[in-house]
Amino acid sequence: MKYFFFFIFTLITVTGFSQDDLLNDLLKTQDSTTELLPKKMLLTQRIFWGQKGLLRPISPLNAVNREKELKLRRAMLVTHQVLGFTTLGGMIGQGIVGSRLYNATGANYRNLKDIHEGLGAFVNITYSTTAVMSLFAPPPLINRDKKISAIRIHKWLSVVHMSSMIATNLLAESGNKKLHRAAAYTAFASYAAAVIAIKF
């Protein structure tokens, strides 16, 4: 009986060491042969996270680091979503105040203008931070297919609302209220549609 236990103990020990060796071999093989980065990446992702990206001296491209990067990506995209809803709320508030501002006069106009500008600063900060969380997140492991999807629609709409946000800020300085309002409504509508698209 004691020989049986000795045999089982020896078998487990040898198997354990051979599994460790196998795991190490797989990791070494994976580092050299498995593609750890997708073929297509955003320019910002390629600059920072590409094979020769700016962050590669700190985070060399290997399976262990890519796993950490994917966790970081998830955290950044969750933050992107939370800030996205926060920005949308700020846009709604700014739109309400902005519509009242067009008919205001005297001291009321000055108060509403200050609130509108404060909300504008808040929206610009949260909007920019939201964009940074998406643009600079580490790339996914693989590219999605080319079919139309909620993510693809979200990305197309991001081009529209980013352009509109830039136009809204530039037109605010120009004094052209009609164009400023049109740009702001376009930014809000496309941004709200992008938020809704990602939830369905």
N, C-alpha and C. Protein backbone atom coordinates (compact mmCIF):
# COMPACT_ATOMS: atom_id res chain seq x y z
N MET A 1 0.82 -1.20 0.00
CA MET A 1 0.00 0.00 0.00
C MET A 1 0.86 1.25 0.00
N LYS A 2 1.98 1.17 0.80
CA LYS A 2 2.82 2.36 0.86
C LYS A 2 3.50 2.62 -0.48
N TYR A 3 3.74 1.52 -1.29
CA TYR A 3 4.33 1.70 -2.61
C TYR A 3 3.34 2.41 -3.55
N PHE A 4 2.05 2.12 -3.35
CA PHE A 4 1.03 2.77 -4.15
C PHE A 4 1.03 4.28 -3.92
N PHE A 5 1.06 4.70 -2.63
CA PHE A 5 1.10 6.13 -2.30
C PHE A 5 2.38 6.78 -2.81
N PHE A 6 3.50 6.03 -2.71
CA PHE A 6 4.77 6.55 -3.22
C PHE A 6 4.69 6.76 -4.73
N PHE A 7 4.07 5.80 -5.42
CA PHE A 7 3.90 5.91 -6.87
C PHE A 7 3.03 7.12 -7.24
N ILE A 8 1.90 7.30 -6.53
CA ILE A 8 1.00 8.42 -6.78
C ILE A 8 1.71 9.75 -6.52
N PHE A 9 2.46 9.83 -5.40
CA PHE A 9 3.20 11.05 -5.04
C PHE A 9 4.22 11.38 -6.13
N THR A 10 4.96 10.37 -6.58
CA THR A 10 5.97 10.58 -7.63
C THR A 10 5.31 11.03 -8.93
N LEU A 11 4.20 10.41 -9.27
CA LEU A 11 3.48 10.76 -10.50
C LEU A 11 2.99 12.21 -10.45
N ILE A 12 2.42 12.62 -9.32
CA ILE A 12 1.93 14.00 -9.16
C ILE A 12 3.07 14.98 -9.26
N THR A 13 4.19 14.67 -8.59
CA THR A 13 5.35 15.56 -8.59
C THR A 13 5.89 15.74 -10.00
N VAL A 14 6.12 14.62 -10.69
CA VAL A 14 6.66 14.67 -12.06
C VAL A 14 5.70 15.40 -12.99
N THR A 15 4.40 15.07 -12.86
CA THR A 15 3.39 15.73 -13.69
C THR A 15 3.35 17.22 -13.42
N GLY A 16 3.45 17.59 -12.14
CA GLY A 16 3.44 19.01 -11.77
C GLY A 16 4.59 19.75 -12.41
N PHE A 17 5.81 19.18 -12.33
CA PHE A 17 6.97 19.83 -12.94
C PHE A 17 6.84 19.89 -14.46
N SER A 18 6.34 18.80 -15.04
CA SER A 18 6.21 18.80 -16.50
C SER A 18 5.15 19.80 -16.95
N GLN A 19 4.07 20.01 -16.14
CA GLN A 19 3.07 21.02 -16.48
C GLN A 19 3.64 22.42 -16.38
N ASP A 20 4.49 22.65 -15.37
CA ASP A 20 5.14 23.96 -15.26
C ASP A 20 6.00 24.23 -16.48
N ASP A 21 6.77 23.19 -16.88
CA ASP A 21 7.62 23.33 -18.07
C ASP A 21 6.77 23.57 -19.31
N LEU A 22 5.65 22.84 -19.41
CA LEU A 22 4.75 22.99 -20.55
C LEU A 22 4.18 24.40 -20.59
N LEU A 23 3.76 24.93 -19.43
CA LEU A 23 3.22 26.29 -19.34
C LEU A 23 4.26 27.31 -19.78
N ASN A 24 5.49 27.15 -19.30
CA ASN A 24 6.56 28.06 -19.71
C ASN A 24 6.82 27.99 -21.21
N ASP A 25 6.81 26.77 -21.74
CA ASP A 25 7.01 26.60 -23.19
C ASP A 25 5.88 27.27 -23.99
N LEU A 26 4.65 27.11 -23.50
CA LEU A 26 3.51 27.73 -24.19
C LEU A 26 3.62 29.24 -24.17
N LEU A 27 4.01 29.80 -23.01
CA LEU A 27 4.16 31.25 -22.92
C LEU A 27 5.25 31.75 -23.86
N LYS A 28 6.36 31.00 -23.91
CA LYS A 28 7.45 31.39 -24.81
C LYS A 28 6.99 31.31 -26.26
N THR A 29 6.28 30.25 -26.60
CA THR A 29 5.78 30.08 -27.96
C THR A 29 4.77 31.16 -28.30
N GLN A 30 3.90 31.47 -27.33
CA GLN A 30 2.87 32.48 -27.56
C GLN A 30 3.50 33.84 -27.82
N ASP A 31 4.56 34.16 -27.07
CA ASP A 31 5.21 35.45 -27.25
C ASP A 31 5.76 35.60 -28.66
N SER A 32 6.23 34.50 -29.24
CA SER A 32 6.91 34.61 -30.51
C SER A 32 5.99 34.36 -31.71
N THR A 33 4.94 33.58 -31.55
CA THR A 33 4.15 33.20 -32.72
C THR A 33 2.73 33.75 -32.71
N THR A 34 2.10 33.88 -31.56
CA THR A 34 0.71 34.34 -31.51
C THR A 34 0.68 35.85 -31.67
N GLU A 35 -0.27 36.34 -32.48
CA GLU A 35 -0.42 37.78 -32.63
C GLU A 35 -1.09 38.33 -31.38
N LEU A 36 -0.40 39.21 -30.71
CA LEU A 36 -0.93 39.78 -29.47
C LEU A 36 -1.64 41.10 -29.71
N LEU A 37 -1.48 41.66 -30.90
CA LEU A 37 -2.12 42.92 -31.24
C LEU A 37 -3.01 42.73 -32.47
N PRO A 38 -4.10 43.48 -32.56
CA PRO A 38 -4.94 43.37 -33.75
C PRO A 38 -4.23 44.00 -34.95
N LYS A 39 -4.66 43.62 -36.15
CA LYS A 39 -4.03 44.17 -37.35
C LYS A 39 -4.34 45.65 -37.53
N LYS A 40 -5.56 46.04 -37.15
CA LYS A 40 -5.96 47.44 -37.29
C LYS A 40 -6.14 48.06 -35.91
N MET A 41 -5.57 49.25 -35.75
CA MET A 41 -5.69 50.00 -34.50
C MET A 41 -5.89 51.47 -34.83
N LEU A 42 -6.46 52.19 -33.87
CA LEU A 42 -6.53 53.64 -34.02
C LEU A 42 -5.10 54.19 -34.02
N LEU A 43 -4.90 55.33 -34.65
CA LEU A 43 -3.57 55.94 -34.68
C LEU A 43 -3.04 56.18 -33.27
N THR A 44 -3.92 56.67 -32.38
CA THR A 44 -3.51 56.93 -31.00
C THR A 44 -3.08 55.64 -30.29
N GLN A 45 -3.79 54.55 -30.57
CA GLN A 45 -3.43 53.26 -29.97
C GLN A 45 -2.10 52.76 -30.53
N ARG A 46 -1.91 52.94 -31.83
CA ARG A 46 -0.67 52.48 -32.45
C ARG A 46 0.53 53.25 -31.90
N ILE A 47 0.36 54.57 -31.70
CA ILE A 47 1.45 55.40 -31.19
C ILE A 47 1.88 54.95 -29.80
N PHE A 48 0.90 54.64 -28.94
CA PHE A 48 1.23 54.29 -27.55
C PHE A 48 1.37 52.79 -27.31
N TRP A 49 0.50 51.98 -27.95
CA TRP A 49 0.43 50.56 -27.62
C TRP A 49 0.88 49.64 -28.75
N GLY A 50 1.27 50.19 -29.90
CA GLY A 50 1.71 49.38 -31.02
C GLY A 50 2.97 48.59 -30.69
N GLN A 51 3.42 47.80 -31.64
CA GLN A 51 4.59 46.94 -31.41
C GLN A 51 5.82 47.75 -30.99
N LYS A 52 5.94 48.96 -31.57
CA LYS A 52 7.05 49.85 -31.21
C LYS A 52 6.52 51.13 -30.56
N GLY A 53 5.39 51.01 -29.86
CA GLY A 53 4.73 52.15 -29.25
C GLY A 53 5.55 52.80 -28.14
N LEU A 54 5.15 54.00 -27.79
CA LEU A 54 5.88 54.76 -26.77
C LEU A 54 5.87 54.09 -25.39
N LEU A 55 4.86 53.25 -25.13
CA LEU A 55 4.78 52.59 -23.82
C LEU A 55 5.43 51.21 -23.79
N ARG A 56 5.95 50.76 -24.93
CA ARG A 56 6.55 49.42 -24.97
C ARG A 56 7.81 49.27 -24.12
N PRO A 57 8.63 50.33 -23.92
CA PRO A 57 9.76 50.16 -22.99
C PRO A 57 9.29 49.87 -21.56
N ILE A 58 8.12 50.40 -21.19
CA ILE A 58 7.57 50.18 -19.85
C ILE A 58 6.79 48.86 -19.80
N SER A 59 6.04 48.59 -20.86
CA SER A 59 5.20 47.39 -20.93
C SER A 59 5.54 46.59 -22.18
N PRO A 60 6.59 45.76 -22.12
CA PRO A 60 6.98 44.97 -23.30
C PRO A 60 5.83 44.10 -23.80
N LEU A 61 5.82 43.87 -25.09
CA LEU A 61 4.73 43.12 -25.71
C LEU A 61 4.91 41.63 -25.45
N ASN A 62 4.11 41.12 -24.49
CA ASN A 62 4.08 39.68 -24.22
C ASN A 62 2.70 39.33 -23.67
N ALA A 63 2.44 38.05 -23.52
CA ALA A 63 1.11 37.58 -23.12
C ALA A 63 0.69 38.12 -21.75
N VAL A 64 1.62 38.16 -20.81
CA VAL A 64 1.29 38.62 -19.45
C VAL A 64 0.91 40.10 -19.46
N ASN A 65 1.71 40.91 -20.16
CA ASN A 65 1.43 42.34 -20.21
C ASN A 65 0.16 42.64 -21.00
N ARG A 66 -0.08 41.86 -22.07
CA ARG A 66 -1.31 42.08 -22.84
C ARG A 66 -2.55 41.79 -22.00
N GLU A 67 -2.44 40.80 -21.12
CA GLU A 67 -3.57 40.51 -20.22
C GLU A 67 -3.84 41.70 -19.31
N LYS A 68 -2.77 42.32 -18.80
CA LYS A 68 -2.91 43.51 -17.95
C LYS A 68 -3.48 44.67 -18.76
N GLU A 69 -3.02 44.80 -20.00
CA GLU A 69 -3.51 45.88 -20.86
C GLU A 69 -4.99 45.73 -21.16
N LEU A 70 -5.45 44.49 -21.33
CA LEU A 70 -6.87 44.27 -21.60
C LEU A 70 -7.73 44.60 -20.38
N LYS A 71 -7.19 44.38 -19.18
CA LYS A 71 -7.89 44.79 -17.96
C LYS A 71 -7.95 46.31 -17.87
N LEU A 72 -6.83 46.96 -18.22
CA LEU A 72 -6.79 48.43 -18.24
C LEU A 72 -7.78 48.96 -19.28
N ARG A 73 -7.83 48.31 -20.45
CA ARG A 73 -8.77 48.71 -21.49
C ARG A 73 -10.20 48.67 -20.98
N ARG A 74 -10.55 47.59 -20.31
CA ARG A 74 -11.91 47.44 -19.76
C ARG A 74 -12.22 48.56 -18.78
N ALA A 75 -11.27 48.85 -17.88
CA ALA A 75 -11.48 49.91 -16.88
C ALA A 75 -11.65 51.27 -17.57
N MET A 76 -10.85 51.54 -18.60
CA MET A 76 -10.94 52.82 -19.32
C MET A 76 -12.26 52.93 -20.08
N LEU A 77 -12.74 51.83 -20.64
CA LEU A 77 -13.99 51.88 -21.39
C LEU A 77 -15.20 51.98 -20.47
N VAL A 78 -15.11 51.41 -19.28
CA VAL A 78 -16.19 51.60 -18.27
C VAL A 78 -16.22 53.07 -17.85
N THR A 79 -15.04 53.66 -17.62
CA THR A 79 -14.95 55.08 -17.29
C THR A 79 -15.50 55.92 -18.44
N HIS A 80 -15.20 55.53 -19.67
CA HIS A 80 -15.71 56.20 -20.87
C HIS A 80 -17.24 56.23 -20.85
N GLN A 81 -17.86 55.11 -20.49
CA GLN A 81 -19.32 55.04 -20.45
C GLN A 81 -19.90 55.92 -19.36
N VAL A 82 -19.31 55.86 -18.16
CA VAL A 82 -19.81 56.65 -17.03
C VAL A 82 -19.70 58.14 -17.34
N LEU A 83 -18.53 58.55 -17.85
CA LEU A 83 -18.34 59.96 -18.21
C LEU A 83 -19.23 60.36 -19.38
N GLY A 84 -19.54 59.40 -20.25
CA GLY A 84 -20.44 59.68 -21.36
C GLY A 84 -21.82 60.09 -20.89
N PHE A 85 -22.35 59.37 -19.90
CA PHE A 85 -23.65 59.73 -19.33
C PHE A 85 -23.58 61.06 -18.58
N THR A 86 -22.47 61.29 -17.89
CA THR A 86 -22.28 62.55 -17.16
C THR A 86 -22.26 63.73 -18.14
N THR A 87 -21.55 63.55 -19.24
CA THR A 87 -21.48 64.59 -20.27
C THR A 87 -22.85 64.85 -20.88
N LEU A 88 -23.60 63.78 -21.14
CA LEU A 88 -24.94 63.93 -21.71
C LEU A 88 -25.83 64.74 -20.77
N GLY A 89 -25.74 64.46 -19.46
CA GLY A 89 -26.51 65.24 -18.48
C GLY A 89 -26.11 66.71 -18.50
N GLY A 90 -24.81 66.97 -18.59
CA GLY A 90 -24.32 68.36 -18.67
C GLY A 90 -24.82 69.05 -19.92
N MET A 91 -24.86 68.32 -21.04
CA MET A 91 -25.35 68.89 -22.30
C MET A 91 -26.83 69.27 -22.20
N ILE A 92 -27.60 68.41 -21.55
CA ILE A 92 -29.04 68.71 -21.38
C ILE A 92 -29.21 69.98 -20.56
N GLY A 93 -28.46 70.06 -19.44
CA GLY A 93 -28.52 71.27 -18.60
C GLY A 93 -28.09 72.50 -19.36
N GLN A 94 -27.04 72.39 -20.12
CA GLN A 94 -26.54 73.53 -20.90
C GLN A 94 -27.55 73.95 -21.97
N GLY A 95 -28.22 72.96 -22.57
CA GLY A 95 -29.23 73.26 -23.58
C GLY A 95 -30.43 74.00 -22.99
N ILE A 96 -30.87 73.58 -21.79
CA ILE A 96 -32.00 74.24 -21.12
C ILE A 96 -31.65 75.69 -20.79
N VAL A 97 -30.48 75.87 -20.20
CA VAL A 97 -30.04 77.23 -19.84
C VAL A 97 -29.83 78.07 -21.10
N GLY A 98 -29.23 77.45 -22.14
CA GLY A 98 -28.98 78.17 -23.39
C GLY A 98 -30.25 78.66 -24.05
N SER A 99 -31.31 77.83 -24.03
CA SER A 99 -32.57 78.26 -24.65
C SER A 99 -33.22 79.41 -23.89
N ARG A 100 -33.05 79.42 -22.57
CA ARG A 100 -33.58 80.53 -21.75
C ARG A 100 -32.74 81.79 -21.95
N LEU A 101 -31.48 81.60 -22.25
CA LEU A 101 -30.55 82.72 -22.42
C LEU A 101 -30.92 83.60 -23.61
N TYR A 102 -31.49 83.00 -24.67
CA TYR A 102 -31.82 83.75 -25.87
C TYR A 102 -32.88 84.83 -25.62
N ASN A 103 -33.75 84.61 -24.64
CA ASN A 103 -34.84 85.57 -24.37
C ASN A 103 -34.60 86.40 -23.11
N ALA A 104 -33.47 86.16 -22.43
CA ALA A 104 -33.20 86.86 -21.16
C ALA A 104 -32.66 88.26 -21.41
N THR A 105 -32.87 89.13 -20.42
CA THR A 105 -32.36 90.51 -20.48
C THR A 105 -31.81 90.91 -19.11
N GLY A 106 -31.00 91.96 -19.09
CA GLY A 106 -30.51 92.55 -17.84
C GLY A 106 -29.70 91.58 -16.99
N ALA A 107 -29.97 91.66 -15.67
CA ALA A 107 -29.22 90.85 -14.69
C ALA A 107 -29.49 89.36 -14.89
N ASN A 108 -30.72 89.04 -15.29
CA ASN A 108 -31.06 87.64 -15.53
C ASN A 108 -30.20 87.06 -16.66
N TYR A 109 -29.97 87.88 -17.68
CA TYR A 109 -29.13 87.45 -18.81
C TYR A 109 -27.71 87.15 -18.32
N ARG A 110 -27.18 88.05 -17.48
CA ARG A 110 -25.81 87.88 -16.98
C ARG A 110 -25.69 86.60 -16.15
N ASN A 111 -26.69 86.35 -15.28
CA ASN A 111 -26.68 85.14 -14.44
C ASN A 111 -26.76 83.87 -15.28
N LEU A 112 -27.68 83.88 -16.25
CA LEU A 112 -27.84 82.72 -17.11
C LEU A 112 -26.59 82.48 -17.97
N LYS A 113 -25.98 83.57 -18.42
CA LYS A 113 -24.76 83.45 -19.24
C LYS A 113 -23.63 82.82 -18.42
N ASP A 114 -23.51 83.23 -17.16
CA ASP A 114 -22.47 82.65 -16.28
C ASP A 114 -22.71 81.15 -16.06
N ILE A 115 -23.99 80.80 -15.84
CA ILE A 115 -24.32 79.38 -15.64
C ILE A 115 -24.04 78.59 -16.92
N HIS A 116 -24.45 79.18 -18.06
CA HIS A 116 -24.25 78.52 -19.35
C HIS A 116 -22.76 78.30 -19.63
N GLU A 117 -21.94 79.29 -19.33
CA GLU A 117 -20.50 79.17 -19.54
C GLU A 117 -19.88 78.16 -18.58
N GLY A 118 -20.37 78.14 -17.34
CA GLY A 118 -19.88 77.15 -16.36
C GLY A 118 -20.20 75.73 -16.79
N LEU A 119 -21.44 75.53 -17.25
CA LEU A 119 -21.84 74.22 -17.76
C LEU A 119 -21.04 73.85 -19.01
N GLY A 120 -20.77 74.87 -19.83
CA GLY A 120 -19.97 74.65 -21.04
C GLY A 120 -18.57 74.15 -20.70
N ALA A 121 -17.96 74.76 -19.69
CA ALA A 121 -16.62 74.33 -19.25
C ALA A 121 -16.68 72.90 -18.71
N PHE A 122 -17.70 72.61 -17.92
CA PHE A 122 -17.88 71.26 -17.36
C PHE A 122 -18.04 70.23 -18.47
N VAL A 123 -18.91 70.54 -19.45
CA VAL A 123 -19.15 69.62 -20.57
C VAL A 123 -17.88 69.40 -21.38
N ASN A 124 -17.14 70.48 -21.63
CA ASN A 124 -15.89 70.34 -22.40
C ASN A 124 -14.88 69.46 -21.68
N ILE A 125 -14.79 69.59 -20.37
CA ILE A 125 -13.84 68.77 -19.59
C ILE A 125 -14.27 67.30 -19.60
N THR A 126 -15.55 67.05 -19.31
CA THR A 126 -16.00 65.65 -19.27
C THR A 126 -16.00 65.03 -20.66
N TYR A 127 -16.35 65.82 -21.68
CA TYR A 127 -16.35 65.32 -23.06
C TYR A 127 -14.94 64.94 -23.48
N SER A 128 -13.98 65.82 -23.20
CA SER A 128 -12.58 65.56 -23.58
C SER A 128 -12.03 64.34 -22.86
N THR A 129 -12.35 64.23 -21.55
CA THR A 129 -11.87 63.08 -20.78
C THR A 129 -12.50 61.79 -21.29
N THR A 130 -13.77 61.85 -21.65
CA THR A 130 -14.46 60.70 -22.22
C THR A 130 -13.78 60.25 -23.51
N ALA A 131 -13.43 61.22 -24.36
CA ALA A 131 -12.76 60.91 -25.63
C ALA A 131 -11.38 60.29 -25.38
N VAL A 132 -10.64 60.84 -24.42
CA VAL A 132 -9.31 60.33 -24.10
C VAL A 132 -9.39 58.87 -23.65
N MET A 133 -10.39 58.55 -22.82
CA MET A 133 -10.55 57.18 -22.33
C MET A 133 -10.75 56.18 -23.47
N SER A 134 -11.39 56.62 -24.55
CA SER A 134 -11.62 55.74 -25.69
C SER A 134 -10.43 55.72 -26.64
N LEU A 135 -9.91 56.90 -26.97
CA LEU A 135 -8.85 56.99 -27.98
C LEU A 135 -7.52 56.40 -27.52
N PHE A 136 -7.25 56.47 -26.22
CA PHE A 136 -5.94 56.04 -25.72
C PHE A 136 -5.98 54.72 -24.94
N ALA A 137 -7.14 54.06 -24.93
CA ALA A 137 -7.22 52.74 -24.29
C ALA A 137 -6.39 51.74 -25.08
N PRO A 138 -5.78 50.76 -24.42
CA PRO A 138 -5.06 49.73 -25.17
C PRO A 138 -5.98 49.05 -26.18
N PRO A 139 -5.43 48.60 -27.31
CA PRO A 139 -6.27 47.98 -28.34
C PRO A 139 -6.82 46.64 -27.88
N PRO A 140 -7.93 46.18 -28.51
CA PRO A 140 -8.46 44.85 -28.19
C PRO A 140 -7.51 43.77 -28.72
N LEU A 141 -7.79 42.54 -28.38
CA LEU A 141 -6.95 41.44 -28.82
C LEU A 141 -7.16 41.15 -30.31
N ILE A 142 -8.41 41.25 -30.75
CA ILE A 142 -8.73 41.02 -32.17
C ILE A 142 -9.66 42.11 -32.66
N ASN A 143 -9.67 42.33 -33.97
CA ASN A 143 -10.61 43.28 -34.57
C ASN A 143 -11.98 42.64 -34.68
N ARG A 144 -13.00 43.47 -34.54
CA ARG A 144 -14.36 42.97 -34.77
C ARG A 144 -14.57 42.84 -36.27
N ASP A 145 -15.62 42.11 -36.63
CA ASP A 145 -15.91 41.96 -38.05
C ASP A 145 -16.42 43.28 -38.62
N LYS A 146 -16.56 43.33 -39.93
CA LYS A 146 -16.90 44.58 -40.61
C LYS A 146 -18.40 44.80 -40.75
N LYS A 147 -19.20 43.96 -40.12
CA LYS A 147 -20.66 44.13 -40.20
C LYS A 147 -21.07 45.37 -39.42
N ILE A 148 -22.21 45.92 -39.80
CA ILE A 148 -22.74 47.08 -39.07
C ILE A 148 -23.17 46.60 -37.68
N SER A 149 -22.69 47.28 -36.67
CA SER A 149 -22.99 46.92 -35.29
C SER A 149 -23.18 48.19 -34.48
N ALA A 150 -23.61 48.03 -33.24
CA ALA A 150 -23.80 49.18 -32.34
C ALA A 150 -22.48 49.92 -32.15
N ILE A 151 -21.38 49.18 -32.01
CA ILE A 151 -20.07 49.81 -31.82
C ILE A 151 -19.68 50.62 -33.04
N ARG A 152 -19.91 50.07 -34.22
CA ARG A 152 -19.57 50.78 -35.47
C ARG A 152 -20.40 52.05 -35.62
N ILE A 153 -21.69 51.98 -35.33
CA ILE A 153 -22.56 53.17 -35.39
C ILE A 153 -22.08 54.20 -34.37
N HIS A 154 -21.73 53.74 -33.17
CA HIS A 154 -21.20 54.61 -32.12
C HIS A 154 -19.96 55.36 -32.61
N LYS A 155 -19.08 54.67 -33.32
CA LYS A 155 -17.85 55.29 -33.84
C LYS A 155 -18.17 56.30 -34.94
N TRP A 156 -19.10 55.96 -35.85
CA TRP A 156 -19.46 56.90 -36.91
C TRP A 156 -20.05 58.17 -36.31
N LEU A 157 -20.93 58.01 -35.33
CA LEU A 157 -21.55 59.17 -34.69
C LEU A 157 -20.53 60.01 -33.93
N SER A 158 -19.46 59.37 -33.44
CA SER A 158 -18.44 60.11 -32.70
C SER A 158 -17.74 61.13 -33.60
N VAL A 159 -17.60 60.81 -34.89
CA VAL A 159 -17.00 61.76 -35.84
C VAL A 159 -17.91 62.99 -35.96
N VAL A 160 -19.22 62.76 -36.01
CA VAL A 160 -20.19 63.85 -36.14
C VAL A 160 -20.19 64.71 -34.89
N HIS A 161 -20.31 64.08 -33.70
CA HIS A 161 -20.43 64.92 -32.51
C HIS A 161 -19.11 65.60 -32.12
N MET A 162 -17.98 64.99 -32.47
CA MET A 162 -16.71 65.66 -32.17
C MET A 162 -16.54 66.89 -33.05
N SER A 163 -16.88 66.76 -34.33
CA SER A 163 -16.82 67.91 -35.24
C SER A 163 -17.77 69.01 -34.78
N SER A 164 -18.97 68.61 -34.37
CA SER A 164 -19.97 69.57 -33.91
C SER A 164 -19.55 70.26 -32.61
N MET A 165 -18.91 69.51 -31.72
CA MET A 165 -18.43 70.10 -30.46
C MET A 165 -17.37 71.17 -30.73
N ILE A 166 -16.46 70.87 -31.65
CA ILE A 166 -15.43 71.85 -32.01
C ILE A 166 -16.08 73.09 -32.61
N ALA A 167 -17.04 72.87 -33.54
CA ALA A 167 -17.75 73.99 -34.17
C ALA A 167 -18.53 74.80 -33.15
N THR A 168 -19.18 74.13 -32.20
CA THR A 168 -19.95 74.83 -31.15
C THR A 168 -19.06 75.76 -30.36
N ASN A 169 -17.88 75.29 -29.97
CA ASN A 169 -16.96 76.12 -29.19
C ASN A 169 -16.41 77.29 -30.00
N LEU A 170 -16.09 77.04 -31.27
CA LEU A 170 -15.56 78.12 -32.13
C LEU A 170 -16.63 79.17 -32.40
N LEU A 171 -17.86 78.71 -32.65
CA LEU A 171 -18.95 79.64 -32.95
C LEU A 171 -19.42 80.42 -31.73
N ALA A 172 -19.17 79.89 -30.53
CA ALA A 172 -19.52 80.62 -29.30
C ALA A 172 -18.70 81.90 -29.21
N GLU A 173 -17.47 81.83 -29.71
CA GLU A 173 -16.58 83.01 -29.68
C GLU A 173 -16.91 83.99 -30.80
N SER A 174 -17.51 83.49 -31.88
CA SER A 174 -17.78 84.34 -33.05
C SER A 174 -18.97 85.28 -32.84
N GLY A 175 -19.88 84.91 -31.93
CA GLY A 175 -21.06 85.73 -31.70
C GLY A 175 -22.22 85.39 -32.62
N ASN A 176 -22.06 84.44 -33.52
CA ASN A 176 -23.14 84.04 -34.42
C ASN A 176 -24.04 83.03 -33.68
N LYS A 177 -25.12 83.55 -33.09
CA LYS A 177 -25.97 82.73 -32.22
C LYS A 177 -26.68 81.61 -32.97
N LYS A 178 -27.16 81.89 -34.18
CA LYS A 178 -27.91 80.88 -34.93
C LYS A 178 -27.03 79.69 -35.29
N LEU A 179 -25.83 79.96 -35.79
CA LEU A 179 -24.93 78.87 -36.15
C LEU A 179 -24.45 78.12 -34.90
N HIS A 180 -24.21 78.89 -33.82
CA HIS A 180 -23.78 78.27 -32.56
C HIS A 180 -24.85 77.30 -32.06
N ARG A 181 -26.09 77.74 -32.10
CA ARG A 181 -27.20 76.89 -31.64
C ARG A 181 -27.35 75.66 -32.54
N ALA A 182 -27.24 75.85 -33.86
CA ALA A 182 -27.36 74.72 -34.79
C ALA A 182 -26.25 73.69 -34.54
N ALA A 183 -25.03 74.16 -34.31
CA ALA A 183 -23.91 73.26 -34.04
C ALA A 183 -24.12 72.54 -32.71
N ALA A 184 -24.62 73.28 -31.71
CA ALA A 184 -24.86 72.68 -30.39
C ALA A 184 -25.94 71.61 -30.46
N TYR A 185 -27.01 71.87 -31.19
CA TYR A 185 -28.08 70.88 -31.34
C TYR A 185 -27.58 69.64 -32.09
N THR A 186 -26.75 69.86 -33.11
CA THR A 186 -26.17 68.73 -33.85
C THR A 186 -25.28 67.89 -32.95
N ALA A 187 -24.46 68.59 -32.15
CA ALA A 187 -23.58 67.88 -31.20
C ALA A 187 -24.39 67.06 -30.21
N PHE A 188 -25.44 67.67 -29.65
CA PHE A 188 -26.26 66.97 -28.67
C PHE A 188 -26.97 65.78 -29.29
N ALA A 189 -27.59 65.99 -30.45
CA ALA A 189 -28.37 64.92 -31.09
C ALA A 189 -27.48 63.73 -31.46
N SER A 190 -26.32 64.01 -32.06
CA SER A 190 -25.42 62.92 -32.46
C SER A 190 -24.79 62.24 -31.26
N TYR A 191 -24.52 63.04 -30.20
CA TYR A 191 -23.93 62.46 -28.99
C TYR A 191 -24.95 61.55 -28.28
N ALA A 192 -26.20 62.05 -28.16
CA ALA A 192 -27.25 61.25 -27.53
C ALA A 192 -27.49 59.97 -28.32
N ALA A 193 -27.48 60.07 -29.65
CA ALA A 193 -27.68 58.89 -30.49
C ALA A 193 -26.53 57.90 -30.30
N ALA A 194 -25.30 58.40 -30.14
CA ALA A 194 -24.14 57.53 -29.92
C ALA A 194 -24.26 56.80 -28.59
N VAL A 195 -24.74 57.51 -27.56
CA VAL A 195 -24.92 56.88 -26.24
C VAL A 195 -26.01 55.82 -26.31
N ILE A 196 -27.10 56.14 -26.99
CA ILE A 196 -28.20 55.17 -27.12
C ILE A 196 -27.76 53.96 -27.93
N ALA A 197 -26.99 54.20 -29.01
CA ALA A 197 -26.54 53.10 -29.88
C ALA A 197 -25.72 52.07 -29.12
N ILE A 198 -24.88 52.55 -28.22
CA ILE A 198 -23.98 51.64 -27.49
C ILE A 198 -24.74 50.80 -26.48
N LYS A 199 -25.92 51.23 -26.07
CA LYS A 199 -26.70 50.50 -25.07
C LYS A 199 -27.61 49.45 -25.71
N PHE A 200 -27.70 49.42 -27.04
CA PHE A 200 -28.59 48.46 -27.72
C PHE A 200 -27.82 47.56 -28.66
